[in-house]
Amino acid sequence: MPLTRDFRVTIRERLERDPGFREALLEEGVQCLLAGEVDVGKAVLRDYVNATIGFQELGGLTAKSPKSLMRMLSPNGNPQARNLFEIISCLQEREGLHLKVQAVR
């Protein structure tokens, strides 16, 4: 059964109107990276960037080419930790959010 609406459009609209959902999606992307699910984390961050700030604006904030940033978060991308943390830092700052790591047993 085909979807009646593009999934990405639905997500983008929800992210535009729901700050809690934006925060949760950003947090989920970082949680996946920390859990070792790098491909999933990059995909979530890519979707977040596409639906919110856009790669053009992120490129301006990081002084990196938007195409380079897109490649970093692509399925075959292999960003350096420095670049990945810079991306996350910019996204947190733009969202007005500060993510913390908490040890849990």
N, C-alpha and C. Protein backbone atom coordinates (compact mmCIF):
# COMPACT_ATOMS: atom_id res chain seq x y z
N MET A 1 0.83 -1.17 0.00
CA MET A 1 0.00 0.00 0.00
C MET A 1 0.89 1.25 0.00
N PRO A 2 0.75 2.12 -0.99
CA PRO A 2 1.59 3.32 -1.05
C PRO A 2 1.19 4.33 0.01
N LEU A 3 2.19 5.07 0.44
CA LEU A 3 1.93 6.15 1.39
C LEU A 3 1.22 7.29 0.67
N THR A 4 0.30 7.92 1.34
CA THR A 4 -0.44 9.01 0.71
C THR A 4 0.33 10.32 0.78
N ARG A 5 1.35 10.35 1.60
CA ARG A 5 2.11 11.58 1.79
C ARG A 5 3.58 11.23 1.98
N ASP A 6 4.46 12.05 1.45
CA ASP A 6 5.89 11.82 1.59
C ASP A 6 6.27 11.89 3.07
N PHE A 7 6.95 10.86 3.54
CA PHE A 7 7.37 10.76 4.94
C PHE A 7 8.23 11.96 5.34
N ARG A 8 9.15 12.36 4.49
CA ARG A 8 10.04 13.48 4.81
C ARG A 8 9.26 14.79 4.98
N VAL A 9 8.23 14.99 4.19
CA VAL A 9 7.40 16.19 4.33
C VAL A 9 6.70 16.19 5.68
N THR A 10 6.18 15.04 6.07
CA THR A 10 5.49 14.91 7.35
C THR A 10 6.45 15.22 8.50
N ILE A 11 7.65 14.66 8.45
CA ILE A 11 8.65 14.89 9.49
C ILE A 11 9.05 16.36 9.52
N ARG A 12 9.30 16.95 8.35
CA ARG A 12 9.71 18.35 8.29
C ARG A 12 8.65 19.26 8.91
N GLU A 13 7.39 19.01 8.59
CA GLU A 13 6.31 19.84 9.14
C GLU A 13 6.21 19.69 10.66
N ARG A 14 6.39 18.47 11.13
CA ARG A 14 6.34 18.26 12.59
C ARG A 14 7.50 18.94 13.29
N LEU A 15 8.69 18.87 12.68
CA LEU A 15 9.86 19.54 13.27
C LEU A 15 9.68 21.05 13.30
N GLU A 16 9.02 21.61 12.30
CA GLU A 16 8.80 23.05 12.26
C GLU A 16 7.88 23.53 13.37
N ARG A 17 6.89 22.72 13.73
CA ARG A 17 5.90 23.18 14.69
C ARG A 17 6.09 22.64 16.11
N ASP A 18 6.98 21.67 16.29
CA ASP A 18 7.09 21.00 17.59
C ASP A 18 8.54 21.01 18.09
N PRO A 19 8.90 21.99 18.94
CA PRO A 19 10.27 22.07 19.45
C PRO A 19 10.69 20.82 20.23
N GLY A 20 9.77 20.20 20.94
CA GLY A 20 10.09 18.98 21.68
C GLY A 20 10.50 17.85 20.75
N PHE A 21 9.84 17.77 19.61
CA PHE A 21 10.18 16.74 18.63
C PHE A 21 11.55 17.01 18.02
N ARG A 22 11.86 18.31 17.76
CA ARG A 22 13.19 18.66 17.25
C ARG A 22 14.28 18.24 18.23
N GLU A 23 14.06 18.56 19.50
CA GLU A 23 15.04 18.21 20.52
C GLU A 23 15.21 16.69 20.62
N ALA A 24 14.09 15.97 20.57
CA ALA A 24 14.15 14.51 20.68
C ALA A 24 14.88 13.90 19.49
N LEU A 25 14.68 14.44 18.30
CA LEU A 25 15.35 13.90 17.12
C LEU A 25 16.86 14.15 17.19
N LEU A 26 17.25 15.35 17.61
CA LEU A 26 18.67 15.65 17.76
C LEU A 26 19.29 14.76 18.82
N GLU A 27 18.61 14.61 19.94
CA GLU A 27 19.10 13.74 21.01
C GLU A 27 19.23 12.30 20.53
N GLU A 28 18.26 11.83 19.77
CA GLU A 28 18.29 10.45 19.26
C GLU A 28 19.50 10.23 18.35
N GLY A 29 19.79 11.21 17.50
CA GLY A 29 20.94 11.09 16.61
C GLY A 29 22.24 10.96 17.40
N VAL A 30 22.39 11.78 18.42
CA VAL A 30 23.60 11.74 19.25
C VAL A 30 23.65 10.43 20.05
N GLN A 31 22.52 10.01 20.61
CA GLN A 31 22.46 8.74 21.36
C GLN A 31 22.89 7.56 20.47
N CYS A 32 22.44 7.55 19.24
CA CYS A 32 22.83 6.47 18.32
C CYS A 32 24.33 6.48 18.09
N LEU A 33 24.90 7.66 17.89
CA LEU A 33 26.35 7.75 17.70
C LEU A 33 27.09 7.22 18.92
N LEU A 34 26.65 7.61 20.10
CA LEU A 34 27.31 7.17 21.34
C LEU A 34 27.15 5.67 21.57
N ALA A 35 26.07 5.10 21.06
CA ALA A 35 25.82 3.67 21.22
C ALA A 35 26.55 2.84 20.16
N GLY A 36 27.28 3.51 19.27
CA GLY A 36 28.03 2.79 18.25
C GLY A 36 27.25 2.54 16.97
N GLU A 37 26.04 3.05 16.89
CA GLU A 37 25.23 2.91 15.68
C GLU A 37 25.45 4.15 14.82
N VAL A 38 26.65 4.21 14.27
CA VAL A 38 27.10 5.41 13.57
C VAL A 38 26.25 5.68 12.33
N ASP A 39 25.94 4.67 11.54
CA ASP A 39 25.16 4.89 10.33
C ASP A 39 23.76 5.43 10.65
N VAL A 40 23.14 4.89 11.68
CA VAL A 40 21.82 5.36 12.09
C VAL A 40 21.92 6.79 12.61
N GLY A 41 22.92 7.06 13.45
CA GLY A 41 23.11 8.40 13.99
C GLY A 41 23.33 9.43 12.91
N LYS A 42 24.16 9.11 11.92
CA LYS A 42 24.40 10.04 10.80
C LYS A 42 23.12 10.27 10.02
N ALA A 43 22.34 9.22 9.79
CA ALA A 43 21.09 9.36 9.05
C ALA A 43 20.11 10.26 9.79
N VAL A 44 20.01 10.09 11.11
CA VAL A 44 19.10 10.91 11.91
C VAL A 44 19.57 12.37 11.88
N LEU A 45 20.86 12.60 12.04
CA LEU A 45 21.38 13.96 12.00
C LEU A 45 21.17 14.58 10.62
N ARG A 46 21.37 13.81 9.57
CA ARG A 46 21.14 14.31 8.21
C ARG A 46 19.69 14.73 8.02
N ASP A 47 18.76 13.89 8.48
CA ASP A 47 17.34 14.22 8.39
C ASP A 47 17.03 15.48 9.20
N TYR A 48 17.62 15.58 10.38
CA TYR A 48 17.41 16.75 11.24
C TYR A 48 17.89 18.01 10.52
N VAL A 49 19.10 17.97 9.97
CA VAL A 49 19.66 19.14 9.28
C VAL A 49 18.79 19.51 8.09
N ASN A 50 18.41 18.52 7.28
CA ASN A 50 17.58 18.80 6.12
C ASN A 50 16.26 19.46 6.49
N ALA A 51 15.67 19.04 7.59
CA ALA A 51 14.35 19.52 7.97
C ALA A 51 14.39 20.81 8.79
N THR A 52 15.57 21.20 9.27
CA THR A 52 15.63 22.39 10.13
C THR A 52 16.55 23.46 9.53
N ILE A 53 17.80 23.39 9.86
CA ILE A 53 18.77 24.43 9.53
C ILE A 53 19.18 24.41 8.05
N GLY A 54 19.26 23.25 7.45
CA GLY A 54 19.73 23.12 6.08
C GLY A 54 21.25 23.10 6.02
N PHE A 55 21.79 22.44 5.02
CA PHE A 55 23.24 22.29 4.91
C PHE A 55 23.92 23.60 4.51
N GLN A 56 23.20 24.48 3.82
CA GLN A 56 23.80 25.76 3.44
C GLN A 56 24.12 26.59 4.69
N GLU A 57 23.15 26.71 5.59
CA GLU A 57 23.37 27.48 6.81
C GLU A 57 24.38 26.79 7.72
N LEU A 58 24.30 25.47 7.82
CA LEU A 58 25.26 24.73 8.64
C LEU A 58 26.68 24.93 8.11
N GLY A 59 26.82 24.98 6.80
CA GLY A 59 28.12 25.24 6.20
C GLY A 59 28.67 26.60 6.61
N GLY A 60 27.79 27.60 6.67
CA GLY A 60 28.22 28.93 7.11
C GLY A 60 28.65 28.95 8.56
N LEU A 61 27.95 28.19 9.40
CA LEU A 61 28.29 28.15 10.83
C LEU A 61 29.58 27.38 11.10
N THR A 62 29.86 26.37 10.28
CA THR A 62 31.04 25.54 10.51
C THR A 62 32.22 25.90 9.63
N ALA A 63 32.02 26.84 8.70
CA ALA A 63 33.05 27.21 7.72
C ALA A 63 33.47 26.00 6.89
N LYS A 64 32.51 25.14 6.60
CA LYS A 64 32.75 23.97 5.76
C LYS A 64 31.77 24.00 4.59
N SER A 65 32.18 23.42 3.51
CA SER A 65 31.33 23.34 2.33
C SER A 65 30.06 22.54 2.63
N PRO A 66 28.89 23.03 2.23
CA PRO A 66 27.66 22.26 2.43
C PRO A 66 27.74 20.86 1.80
N LYS A 67 28.38 20.77 0.64
CA LYS A 67 28.52 19.44 0.00
C LYS A 67 29.39 18.52 0.84
N SER A 68 30.43 19.07 1.44
CA SER A 68 31.29 18.27 2.31
C SER A 68 30.51 17.77 3.53
N LEU A 69 29.68 18.65 4.11
CA LEU A 69 28.86 18.25 5.25
C LEU A 69 27.87 17.17 4.86
N MET A 70 27.27 17.30 3.67
CA MET A 70 26.33 16.28 3.19
C MET A 70 27.03 14.94 3.04
N ARG A 71 28.25 14.96 2.49
CA ARG A 71 29.02 13.72 2.34
C ARG A 71 29.34 13.10 3.70
N MET A 72 29.71 13.94 4.67
CA MET A 72 30.04 13.43 6.01
C MET A 72 28.88 12.65 6.61
N LEU A 73 27.66 13.15 6.41
CA LEU A 73 26.49 12.52 7.02
C LEU A 73 25.79 11.55 6.08
N SER A 74 26.40 11.28 4.92
CA SER A 74 25.83 10.32 3.98
C SER A 74 26.12 8.89 4.46
N PRO A 75 25.43 7.90 3.91
CA PRO A 75 25.67 6.51 4.33
C PRO A 75 27.13 6.07 4.18
N ASN A 76 27.82 6.57 3.17
CA ASN A 76 29.22 6.19 2.96
C ASN A 76 30.20 7.19 3.57
N GLY A 77 29.68 8.23 4.21
CA GLY A 77 30.54 9.25 4.79
C GLY A 77 31.30 8.73 6.00
N ASN A 78 32.47 9.29 6.21
CA ASN A 78 33.30 8.88 7.34
C ASN A 78 33.90 10.14 7.97
N PRO A 79 33.06 10.91 8.68
CA PRO A 79 33.56 12.17 9.23
C PRO A 79 34.56 11.96 10.36
N GLN A 80 35.52 12.86 10.44
CA GLN A 80 36.42 12.85 11.59
C GLN A 80 35.62 13.24 12.82
N ALA A 81 36.03 12.78 13.97
CA ALA A 81 35.33 13.09 15.21
C ALA A 81 35.24 14.60 15.41
N ARG A 82 36.31 15.30 15.08
CA ARG A 82 36.33 16.77 15.23
C ARG A 82 35.18 17.40 14.45
N ASN A 83 35.00 16.96 13.21
CA ASN A 83 33.94 17.51 12.37
C ASN A 83 32.56 17.13 12.88
N LEU A 84 32.41 15.90 13.31
CA LEU A 84 31.12 15.44 13.82
C LEU A 84 30.72 16.21 15.08
N PHE A 85 31.67 16.40 15.98
CA PHE A 85 31.37 17.15 17.21
C PHE A 85 31.11 18.63 16.92
N GLU A 86 31.77 19.17 15.91
CA GLU A 86 31.51 20.55 15.53
C GLU A 86 30.08 20.69 14.99
N ILE A 87 29.66 19.74 14.19
CA ILE A 87 28.28 19.74 13.67
C ILE A 87 27.29 19.67 14.82
N ILE A 88 27.51 18.74 15.74
CA ILE A 88 26.60 18.58 16.88
C ILE A 88 26.57 19.84 17.73
N SER A 89 27.72 20.44 17.95
CA SER A 89 27.80 21.67 18.73
C SER A 89 26.98 22.79 18.07
N CYS A 90 27.12 22.96 16.78
CA CYS A 90 26.37 24.00 16.07
C CYS A 90 24.87 23.73 16.13
N LEU A 91 24.48 22.47 15.99
CA LEU A 91 23.05 22.13 16.04
C LEU A 91 22.48 22.40 17.43
N GLN A 92 23.25 22.04 18.47
CA GLN A 92 22.79 22.32 19.84
C GLN A 92 22.63 23.82 20.06
N GLU A 93 23.62 24.58 19.64
CA GLU A 93 23.58 26.02 19.84
C GLU A 93 22.40 26.63 19.11
N ARG A 94 22.18 26.23 17.89
CA ARG A 94 21.07 26.79 17.11
C ARG A 94 19.71 26.42 17.72
N GLU A 95 19.65 25.22 18.28
CA GLU A 95 18.39 24.75 18.89
C GLU A 95 18.22 25.34 20.29
N GLY A 96 19.29 25.90 20.86
CA GLY A 96 19.22 26.43 22.23
C GLY A 96 19.17 25.28 23.24
N LEU A 97 19.92 24.25 22.95
CA LEU A 97 19.87 23.01 23.72
C LEU A 97 21.29 22.62 24.11
N HIS A 98 21.43 22.00 25.26
CA HIS A 98 22.72 21.48 25.69
C HIS A 98 22.53 20.03 26.10
N LEU A 99 23.07 19.13 25.29
CA LEU A 99 22.96 17.70 25.59
C LEU A 99 24.08 17.32 26.54
N LYS A 100 23.75 16.46 27.52
CA LYS A 100 24.73 15.97 28.47
C LYS A 100 24.80 14.44 28.38
N VAL A 101 25.97 13.92 28.64
CA VAL A 101 26.15 12.48 28.71
C VAL A 101 26.03 12.07 30.17
N GLN A 102 25.28 11.03 30.43
CA GLN A 102 25.09 10.56 31.79
C GLN A 102 25.40 9.07 31.84
N ALA A 103 26.26 8.68 32.76
CA ALA A 103 26.61 7.28 32.91
C ALA A 103 25.47 6.54 33.60
N VAL A 104 25.11 5.39 33.06
CA VAL A 104 24.04 4.55 33.61
C VAL A 104 24.53 3.12 33.64
N ARG A 105 24.29 2.44 34.74
CA ARG A 105 24.65 1.02 34.83
C ARG A 105 23.44 0.16 34.57
